[in-house]
C-alpha atoms as a PDB file:
ATOM      1  CA  UNK A   1       0.000   0.000   0.000  1.00  0.00           C
ATOM      2  CA  UNK A   2       1.199   3.575  -0.645  1.00  0.00           C
ATOM      3  CA  UNK A   3       0.634   4.430   3.027  1.00  0.00           C
ATOM      4  CA  UNK A   4       1.298   3.099   6.511  1.00  0.00           C
ATOM      5  CA  UNK A   5      -1.284   1.437   8.718  1.00  0.00           C
ATOM      6  CA  UNK A   6      -4.299  -0.630   7.790  1.00  0.00           C
ATOM      7  CA  UNK A   7      -6.181  -0.571   4.488  1.00  0.00           C
ATOM      8  CA  UNK A   8      -9.567   1.120   4.189  1.00  0.00           C
ATOM      9  CA  UNK A   9     -12.720  -0.529   2.889  1.00  0.00           C
ATOM     10  CA  UNK A  10     -12.323   0.969  -0.609  1.00  0.00           C
ATOM     11  CA  UNK A  11      -8.873  -0.607  -1.004  1.00  0.00           C
ATOM     12  CA  UNK A  12     -10.045  -3.934   0.417  1.00  0.00           C
ATOM     13  CA  UNK A  13     -13.080  -4.096  -1.852  1.00  0.00           C
ATOM     14  CA  UNK A  14     -11.006  -3.243  -4.942  1.00  0.00           C
ATOM     15  CA  UNK A  15      -8.391  -5.867  -4.069  1.00  0.00           C
ATOM     16  CA  UNK A  16     -10.979  -8.555  -3.430  1.00  0.00           C
ATOM     17  CA  UNK A  17     -12.762  -7.765  -6.696  1.00  0.00           C
ATOM     18  CA  UNK A  18      -9.466  -8.261  -8.541  1.00  0.00           C
ATOM     19  CA  UNK A  19      -8.998 -11.599  -6.812  1.00  0.00           C
ATOM     20  CA  UNK A  20     -12.562 -12.720  -7.569  1.00  0.00           C
ATOM     21  CA  UNK A  21     -12.130 -11.916 -11.260  1.00  0.00           C
ATOM     22  CA  UNK A  22      -8.968 -14.060 -11.457  1.00  0.00           C
ATOM     23  CA  UNK A  23     -10.391 -16.816  -9.281  1.00  0.00           C
ATOM     24  CA  UNK A  24     -13.561 -17.225 -11.326  1.00  0.00           C
ATOM     25  CA  UNK A  25     -11.659 -17.038 -14.601  1.00  0.00           C
ATOM     26  CA  UNK A  26      -9.374 -19.978 -13.806  1.00  0.00           C
ATOM     27  CA  UNK A  27     -11.510 -21.986 -11.355  1.00  0.00           C
ATOM     28  CA  UNK A  28     -14.764 -23.260 -12.795  1.00  0.00           C
ATOM     29  CA  UNK A  29     -15.371 -26.050 -10.259  1.00  0.00           C
ATOM     30  CA  UNK A  30     -14.307 -24.446  -6.975  1.00  0.00           C
ATOM     31  CA  UNK A  31     -16.308 -22.036  -4.882  1.00  0.00           C
ATOM     32  CA  UNK A  32     -15.408 -19.682  -2.052  1.00  0.00           C
ATOM     33  CA  UNK A  33     -16.625 -21.175   1.216  1.00  0.00           C
ATOM     34  CA  UNK A  34     -15.685 -18.252   3.420  1.00  0.00           C
ATOM     35  CA  UNK A  35     -13.469 -15.325   4.295  1.00  0.00           C
ATOM     36  CA  UNK A  36     -11.521 -15.193   7.576  1.00  0.00           C
ATOM     37  CA  UNK A  37     -10.497 -11.803   8.965  1.00  0.00           C
ATOM     38  CA  UNK A  38      -9.321 -10.199  12.199  1.00  0.00           C
ATOM     39  CA  UNK A  39     -10.860  -7.287  14.136  1.00  0.00           C
ATOM     40  CA  UNK A  40      -9.231  -4.593  11.974  1.00  0.00           C
ATOM     41  CA  UNK A  41     -11.478  -5.533   9.047  1.00  0.00           C
ATOM     42  CA  UNK A  42     -14.849  -4.125  10.066  1.00  0.00           C
ATOM     43  CA  UNK A  43     -17.442  -1.550   9.040  1.00  0.00           C
ATOM     44  CA  UNK A  44     -20.808  -1.343   7.284  1.00  0.00           C
ATOM     45  CA  UNK A  45     -19.482  -0.757   3.712  1.00  0.00           C
ATOM     46  CA  UNK A  46     -17.149  -3.772   4.039  1.00  0.00           C
ATOM     47  CA  UNK A  47     -19.789  -6.138   5.432  1.00  0.00           C
ATOM     48  CA  UNK A  48     -22.343  -5.087   2.831  1.00  0.00           C
ATOM     49  CA  UNK A  49     -19.793  -5.505   0.051  1.00  0.00           C
ATOM     50  CA  UNK A  50     -19.144  -9.112   1.153  1.00  0.00           C
ATOM     51  CA  UNK A  51     -22.892  -9.786   1.263  1.00  0.00           C
ATOM     52  CA  UNK A  52     -23.342  -8.437  -2.274  1.00  0.00           C
ATOM     53  CA  UNK A  53     -20.514 -10.681  -3.481  1.00  0.00           C
ATOM     54  CA  UNK A  54     -22.147 -13.631  -1.679  1.00  0.00           C
ATOM     55  CA  UNK A  55     -18.996 -14.399   0.312  1.00  0.00           C
ATOM     56  CA  UNK A  56     -19.693 -16.169   3.634  1.00  0.00           C
ATOM     57  CA  UNK A  57     -17.780 -14.508   6.452  1.00  0.00           C
ATOM     58  CA  UNK A  58     -16.056 -15.539   9.649  1.00  0.00           C
ATOM     59  CA  UNK A  59     -14.766 -12.246  11.038  1.00  0.00           C
ATOM     60  CA  UNK A  60     -13.668 -11.434  14.561  1.00  0.00           C
ATOM     61  CA  UNK A  61     -15.448  -8.505  16.214  1.00  0.00           C
ATOM     62  CA  UNK A  62     -14.272  -5.920  18.711  1.00  0.00           C
ATOM     63  CA  UNK A  63     -15.890  -5.949  22.144  1.00  0.00           C
ATOM     64  CA  UNK A  64     -17.628  -2.602  21.504  1.00  0.00           C
ATOM     65  CA  UNK A  65     -19.198  -3.710  18.192  1.00  0.00           C
ATOM     66  CA  UNK A  66     -22.906  -2.876  18.180  1.00  0.00           C
ATOM     67  CA  UNK A  67     -25.228  -5.853  17.772  1.00  0.00           C
ATOM     68  CA  UNK A  68     -28.867  -4.902  17.340  1.00  0.00           C
ATOM     69  CA  UNK A  69     -27.904  -1.562  18.860  1.00  0.00           C
ATOM     70  CA  UNK A  70     -26.010  -2.855  21.938  1.00  0.00           C
ATOM     71  CA  UNK A  71     -22.304  -3.670  22.524  1.00  0.00           C
ATOM     72  CA  UNK A  72     -21.586  -7.328  21.862  1.00  0.00           C
ATOM     73  CA  UNK A  73     -19.744  -7.642  25.192  1.00  0.00           C
ATOM     74  CA  UNK A  74     -23.069  -7.268  27.052  1.00  0.00           C
ATOM     75  CA  UNK A  75     -24.431 -10.410  25.419  1.00  0.00           C
ATOM     76  CA  UNK A  76     -21.611 -12.674  26.590  1.00  0.00           C
ATOM     77  CA  UNK A  77     -20.447 -11.118  29.859  1.00  0.00           C
ATOM     78  CA  UNK A  78     -21.206 -14.144  32.072  1.00  0.00           C
ATOM     79  CA  UNK A  79     -19.165 -16.726  30.195  1.00  0.00           C
ATOM     80  CA  UNK A  80     -16.679 -19.073  31.863  1.00  0.00           C
ATOM     81  CA  UNK A  81     -13.251 -20.129  30.468  1.00  0.00           C
ATOM     82  CA  UNK A  82     -13.663 -22.698  27.698  1.00  0.00           C
ATOM     83  CA  UNK A  83     -17.392 -22.058  27.361  1.00  0.00           C
ATOM     84  CA  UNK A  84     -18.907 -21.502  23.908  1.00  0.00           C
ATOM     85  CA  UNK A  85     -22.065 -19.482  23.336  1.00  0.00           C
ATOM     86  CA  UNK A  86     -23.815 -18.428  20.174  1.00  0.00           C
ATOM     87  CA  UNK A  87     -26.772 -16.670  18.624  1.00  0.00           C
ATOM     88  CA  UNK A  88     -27.247 -19.109  15.775  1.00  0.00           C
ATOM     89  CA  UNK A  89     -30.943 -19.917  16.157  1.00  0.00           C
ATOM     90  CA  UNK A  90     -31.691 -16.481  14.751  1.00  0.00           C
ATOM     91  CA  UNK A  91     -29.577 -13.905  12.944  1.00  0.00           C
ATOM     92  CA  UNK A  92     -28.675 -10.519  14.366  1.00  0.00           C
ATOM     93  CA  UNK A  93     -27.677  -7.263  12.707  1.00  0.00           C
ATOM     94  CA  UNK A  94     -23.965  -6.417  12.649  1.00  0.00           C
ATOM     95  CA  UNK A  95     -22.913  -3.431  10.516  1.00  0.00           C
ATOM     96  CA  UNK A  96     -26.253  -3.607   8.754  1.00  0.00           C
ATOM     97  CA  UNK A  97     -25.886  -7.277   7.760  1.00  0.00           C
ATOM     98  CA  UNK A  98     -27.686 -10.273   9.272  1.00  0.00           C
ATOM     99  CA  UNK A  99     -25.190 -12.795  10.655  1.00  0.00           C
ATOM    100  CA  UNK A 100     -24.849 -15.482  13.291  1.00  0.00           C
ATOM    101  CA  UNK A 101     -22.735 -14.861  16.371  1.00  0.00           C
ATOM    102  CA  UNK A 102     -20.299 -17.185  18.095  1.00  0.00           C
ATOM    103  CA  UNK A 103     -18.233 -16.433  21.187  1.00  0.00           C
ATOM    104  CA  UNK A 104     -15.911 -18.155  23.612  1.00  0.00           C
ATOM    105  CA  UNK A 105     -13.748 -17.258  26.575  1.00  0.00           C
ATOM    106  CA  UNK A 106     -10.264 -18.659  26.058  1.00  0.00           C
ATOM    107  CA  UNK A 107      -8.401 -20.390  28.904  1.00  0.00           C
ATOM    108  CA  UNK A 108      -6.195 -17.278  29.148  1.00  0.00           C
ATOM    109  CA  UNK A 109      -9.261 -15.112  29.809  1.00  0.00           C
ATOM    110  CA  UNK A 110      -9.549 -13.468  26.392  1.00  0.00           C
ATOM    111  CA  UNK A 111     -12.974 -13.057  24.805  1.00  0.00           C
ATOM    112  CA  UNK A 112     -13.410 -14.028  21.171  1.00  0.00           C
ATOM    113  CA  UNK A 113     -16.446 -12.756  19.245  1.00  0.00           C
ATOM    114  CA  UNK A 114     -17.201 -13.880  15.700  1.00  0.00           C
ATOM    115  CA  UNK A 115     -19.627 -12.713  13.041  1.00  0.00           C
ATOM    116  CA  UNK A 116     -20.176 -15.783  10.939  1.00  0.00           C
ATOM    117  CA  UNK A 117     -22.363 -17.382   8.312  1.00  0.00           C
ATOM    118  CA  UNK A 118     -21.989 -20.729  10.096  1.00  0.00           C
ATOM    119  CA  UNK A 119     -24.877 -21.770  12.357  1.00  0.00           C
ATOM    120  CA  UNK A 120     -22.723 -24.221  14.356  1.00  0.00           C
ATOM    121  CA  UNK A 121     -20.576 -22.186  16.799  1.00  0.00           C
ATOM    122  CA  UNK A 122     -17.971 -24.921  17.323  1.00  0.00           C
ATOM    123  CA  UNK A 123     -17.438 -25.151  13.574  1.00  0.00           C
ATOM    124  CA  UNK A 124     -17.172 -21.363  13.243  1.00  0.00           C
ATOM    125  CA  UNK A 125     -14.528 -21.207  15.978  1.00  0.00           C
ATOM    126  CA  UNK A 126     -12.606 -24.075  14.357  1.00  0.00           C
ATOM    127  CA  UNK A 127     -12.701 -22.246  11.010  1.00  0.00           C
ATOM    128  CA  UNK A 128     -11.427 -19.031  12.558  1.00  0.00           C
ATOM    129  CA  UNK A 129      -8.615 -20.878  14.335  1.00  0.00           C
ATOM    130  CA  UNK A 130      -7.151 -21.664  10.895  1.00  0.00           C
ATOM    131  CA  UNK A 131      -6.467 -17.942  10.446  1.00  0.00           C
ATOM    132  CA  UNK A 132      -3.860 -18.118  13.205  1.00  0.00           C
ATOM    133  CA  UNK A 133      -1.536 -19.942  10.835  1.00  0.00           C
ATOM    134  CA  UNK A 134      -1.486 -16.850   8.602  1.00  0.00           C
ATOM    135  CA  UNK A 135      -0.809 -14.677  11.651  1.00  0.00           C
ATOM    136  CA  UNK A 136       2.174 -16.812  12.642  1.00  0.00           C
ATOM    137  CA  UNK A 137       3.445 -16.734   9.051  1.00  0.00           C
ATOM    138  CA  UNK A 138       3.348 -12.930   9.003  1.00  0.00           C
ATOM    139  CA  UNK A 139       5.186 -12.738  12.321  1.00  0.00           C
ATOM    140  CA  UNK A 140       7.869 -15.127  11.073  1.00  0.00           C
ATOM    141  CA  UNK A 141       8.380 -13.175   7.842  1.00  0.00           C
ATOM    142  CA  UNK A 142       8.407  -9.806   9.594  1.00  0.00           C
ATOM    143  CA  UNK A 143       9.508  -8.509  12.990  1.00  0.00           C
ATOM    144  CA  UNK A 144       9.861 -11.834  14.836  1.00  0.00           C
ATOM    145  CA  UNK A 145      11.921 -13.564  12.204  1.00  0.00           C
ATOM    146  CA  UNK A 146      13.144 -12.637   8.738  1.00  0.00           C
ATOM    147  CA  UNK A 147      12.409  -8.865   8.888  1.00  0.00           C
ATOM    148  CA  UNK A 148      10.784  -8.573   5.466  1.00  0.00           C
ATOM    149  CA  UNK A 149       9.743  -4.955   6.000  1.00  0.00           C
ATOM    150  CA  UNK A 150      13.292  -3.788   6.728  1.00  0.00           C
ATOM    151  CA  UNK A 151      14.161  -4.141   3.034  1.00  0.00           C
ATOM    152  CA  UNK A 152      11.783  -1.283   2.061  1.00  0.00           C
ATOM    153  CA  UNK A 153      11.345  -2.789  -1.409  1.00  0.00           C
ATOM    154  CA  UNK A 154       8.363  -1.494  -3.381  1.00  0.00           C
ATOM    155  CA  UNK A 155       8.855  -2.749  -6.962  1.00  0.00           C
ATOM    156  CA  UNK A 156       6.750  -5.796  -7.771  1.00  0.00           C
ATOM    157  CA  UNK A 157       9.478  -7.801  -9.534  1.00  0.00           C
ATOM    158  CA  UNK A 158      11.976  -7.276  -6.734  1.00  0.00           C
ATOM    159  CA  UNK A 159       9.355  -8.137  -4.131  1.00  0.00           C
ATOM    160  CA  UNK A 160       8.569 -11.328  -6.023  1.00  0.00           C
ATOM    161  CA  UNK A 161      12.212 -12.416  -5.904  1.00  0.00           C
ATOM    162  CA  UNK A 162      12.485 -11.472  -2.233  1.00  0.00           C
ATOM    163  CA  UNK A 163       9.354 -13.408  -1.273  1.00  0.00           C
ATOM    164  CA  UNK A 164      10.651 -16.454  -3.147  1.00  0.00           C
ATOM    165  CA  UNK A 165      13.921 -16.369  -1.218  1.00  0.00           C
ATOM    166  CA  UNK A 166      12.148 -15.783   2.098  1.00  0.00           C
ATOM    167  CA  UNK A 167       9.750 -18.663   1.393  1.00  0.00           C
ATOM    168  CA  UNK A 168      12.685 -21.033   0.960  1.00  0.00           C
ATOM    169  CA  UNK A 169      14.300 -19.637   4.114  1.00  0.00           C
ATOM    170  CA  UNK A 170      11.046 -20.035   6.058  1.00  0.00           C
ATOM    171  CA  UNK A 171      10.694 -23.692   5.064  1.00  0.00           C
ATOM    172  CA  UNK A 172      14.342 -24.314   5.928  1.00  0.00           C
ATOM    173  CA  UNK A 173      13.861 -22.801   9.392  1.00  0.00           C
ATOM    174  CA  UNK A 174      10.718 -24.856  10.073  1.00  0.00           C
ATOM    175  CA  UNK A 175      12.341 -28.121   8.959  1.00  0.00           C
ATOM    176  CA  UNK A 176      15.460 -27.316  10.975  1.00  0.00           C
ATOM    177  CA  UNK A 177      13.298 -26.529  13.993  1.00  0.00           C
ATOM    178  CA  UNK A 178      11.688 -29.967  13.816  1.00  0.00           C
ATOM    179  CA  UNK A 179      15.080 -31.701  13.621  1.00  0.00           C
ATOM    180  CA  UNK A 180      16.691 -29.496  16.265  1.00  0.00           C
ATOM    181  CA  UNK A 181      13.780 -30.046  18.677  1.00  0.00           C
ATOM    182  CA  UNK A 182      14.701 -33.742  18.784  1.00  0.00           C
ATOM    183  CA  UNK A 183      18.117 -32.741  20.144  1.00  0.00           C
ATOM    184  CA  UNK A 184      17.259 -29.630  22.178  1.00  0.00           C
ATOM    185  CA  UNK A 185      13.681 -29.767  23.467  1.00  0.00           C
ATOM    186  CA  UNK A 186      11.661 -26.561  23.358  1.00  0.00           C
ATOM    187  CA  UNK A 187      10.836 -25.397  26.870  1.00  0.00           C
ATOM    188  CA  UNK A 188       7.170 -25.303  27.889  1.00  0.00           C
ATOM    189  CA  UNK A 189       6.299 -22.281  30.028  1.00  0.00           C
ATOM    190  CA  UNK A 190       3.954 -22.181  33.028  1.00  0.00           C
ATOM    191  CA  UNK A 191       0.929 -21.128  30.987  1.00  0.00           C
ATOM    192  CA  UNK A 192       1.334 -24.271  28.859  1.00  0.00           C
ATOM    193  CA  UNK A 193       2.683 -22.656  25.695  1.00  0.00           C
ATOM    194  CA  UNK A 194       6.037 -23.324  24.102  1.00  0.00           C
ATOM    195  CA  UNK A 195       8.801 -20.817  24.772  1.00  0.00           C
ATOM    196  CA  UNK A 196       9.367 -20.459  21.030  1.00  0.00           C
ATOM    197  CA  UNK A 197       7.940 -21.755  17.762  1.00  0.00           C
ATOM    198  CA  UNK A 198       9.560 -24.445  15.630  1.00  0.00           C
ATOM    199  CA  UNK A 199      10.388 -21.709  13.141  1.00  0.00           C
ATOM    200  CA  UNK A 200      12.208 -19.644  15.778  1.00  0.00           C
ATOM    201  CA  UNK A 201      13.929 -22.740  17.150  1.00  0.00           C
ATOM    202  CA  UNK A 202      15.246 -23.532  13.683  1.00  0.00           C
ATOM    203  CA  UNK A 203      16.247 -19.943  12.920  1.00  0.00           C
ATOM    204  CA  UNK A 204      18.245 -19.750  16.163  1.00  0.00           C
ATOM    205  CA  UNK A 205      20.012 -23.023  15.312  1.00  0.00           C
ATOM    206  CA  UNK A 206      20.924 -21.831  11.802  1.00  0.00           C
ATOM    207  CA  UNK A 207      22.155 -18.473  13.080  1.00  0.00           C
ATOM    208  CA  UNK A 208      24.242 -20.234  15.709  1.00  0.00           C
ATOM    209  CA  UNK A 209      25.794 -22.512  13.110  1.00  0.00           C
ATOM    210  CA  UNK A 210      26.622 -19.598  10.808  1.00  0.00           C
ATOM    211  CA  UNK A 211      28.326 -17.703  13.629  1.00  0.00           C
ATOM    212  CA  UNK A 212      30.688 -20.604  14.220  1.00  0.00           C
ATOM    213  CA  UNK A 213      31.704 -21.024  10.564  1.00  0.00           C
ATOM    214  CA  UNK A 214      34.792 -18.930  11.136  1.00  0.00           C
ATOM    215  CA  UNK A 215      36.025 -21.491  13.638  1.00  0.00           C
ATOM    216  CA  UNK A 216      36.071 -24.184  10.991  1.00  0.00           C
ATOM    217  CA  UNK A 217      33.009 -26.028  12.314  1.00  0.00           C
ATOM    218  CA  UNK A 218      31.258 -26.637   8.987  1.00  0.00           C
ATOM    219  CA  UNK A 219      29.804 -29.982   9.959  1.00  0.00           C
ATOM    220  CA  UNK A 220      26.971 -28.534  12.037  1.00  0.00           C
ATOM    221  CA  UNK A 221      25.959 -26.103   9.305  1.00  0.00           C
ATOM    222  CA  UNK A 222      25.981 -28.898   6.721  1.00  0.00           C
ATOM    223  CA  UNK A 223      23.876 -31.030   9.032  1.00  0.00           C
ATOM    224  CA  UNK A 224      21.249 -28.295   9.323  1.00  0.00           C
ATOM    225  CA  UNK A 225      21.362 -27.650   5.595  1.00  0.00           C
ATOM    226  CA  UNK A 226      20.715 -31.351   4.974  1.00  0.00           C
ATOM    227  CA  UNK A 227      17.080 -31.033   6.078  1.00  0.00           C
ATOM    228  CA  UNK A 228      16.371 -29.404   2.709  1.00  0.00           C
ATOM    229  CA  UNK A 229      18.041 -32.183   0.736  1.00  0.00           C
ATOM    230  CA  UNK A 230      16.226 -35.364  -0.387  1.00  0.00           C
ATOM    231  CA  UNK A 231      16.720 -38.218   2.043  1.00  0.00           C
ATOM    232  CA  UNK A 232      18.813 -40.345  -0.323  1.00  0.00           C
ATOM    233  CA  UNK A 233      21.513 -37.632  -0.621  1.00  0.00           C
ATOM    234  CA  UNK A 234      21.906 -36.782   3.051  1.00  0.00           C
ATOM    235  CA  UNK A 235      24.605 -39.388   3.646  1.00  0.00           C
ATOM    236  CA  UNK A 236      26.546 -38.035   0.689  1.00  0.00           C
ATOM    237  CA  UNK A 237      26.165 -34.488   1.958  1.00  0.00           C
ATOM    238  CA  UNK A 238      27.424 -35.403   5.424  1.00  0.00           C
ATOM    239  CA  UNK A 239      30.583 -36.863   3.855  1.00  0.00           C
ATOM    240  CA  UNK A 240      31.158 -33.911   1.529  1.00  0.00           C
ATOM    241  CA  UNK A 241      29.228 -30.819   2.781  1.00  0.00           C
ATOM    242  CA  UNK A 242      30.375 -28.515  -0.002  1.00  0.00           C
END
């Protein structure tokens, strides 16, 4: 985007229309079963645009979102951790569009509100959980990993090359993380979550191996590089790393 911050509804609608034109041109048998989005993607023009395009939604809502004129937080204020509630028997108005609601209180005490086309709340929450993979991918490519934004590239061709290289690097880090976790177990913190992701575990291992290259310890680097090589060539690589 030619600006910082989030996109507005005009930019989002234009981008999605471009995607729909390409998608329908090359995909005659597939259909769009839904759109997942976080709390930043809200508003009446956006919701009505998605309804006109007949795209089922599964979008997270902010706690102050008005539902039939009242904040959504008032409807689910007595929930307990792990409990799932919904308004799926009848549809309510959110940003001028009739949708179902699903909500849950996570074990960490965070409320999750969804505007969804799905009438089964458990299924809606499971669908939305898939979006977290995209969130983790963005974090790995950006500030918590490969620092994509620090390049400040804007030309499409250069960005394409950069994203190709970063995609290979991302896969290498994830594969290395899986292998390295068998040797150095990832610590589990008190709240039950891992101290770091497999991606971060692998990135740290690769960075550590690169730092020691000057000491003549090439074997460890070659061993980590071998995770990207077909299984039948790993033995050969270990004998002759370069």
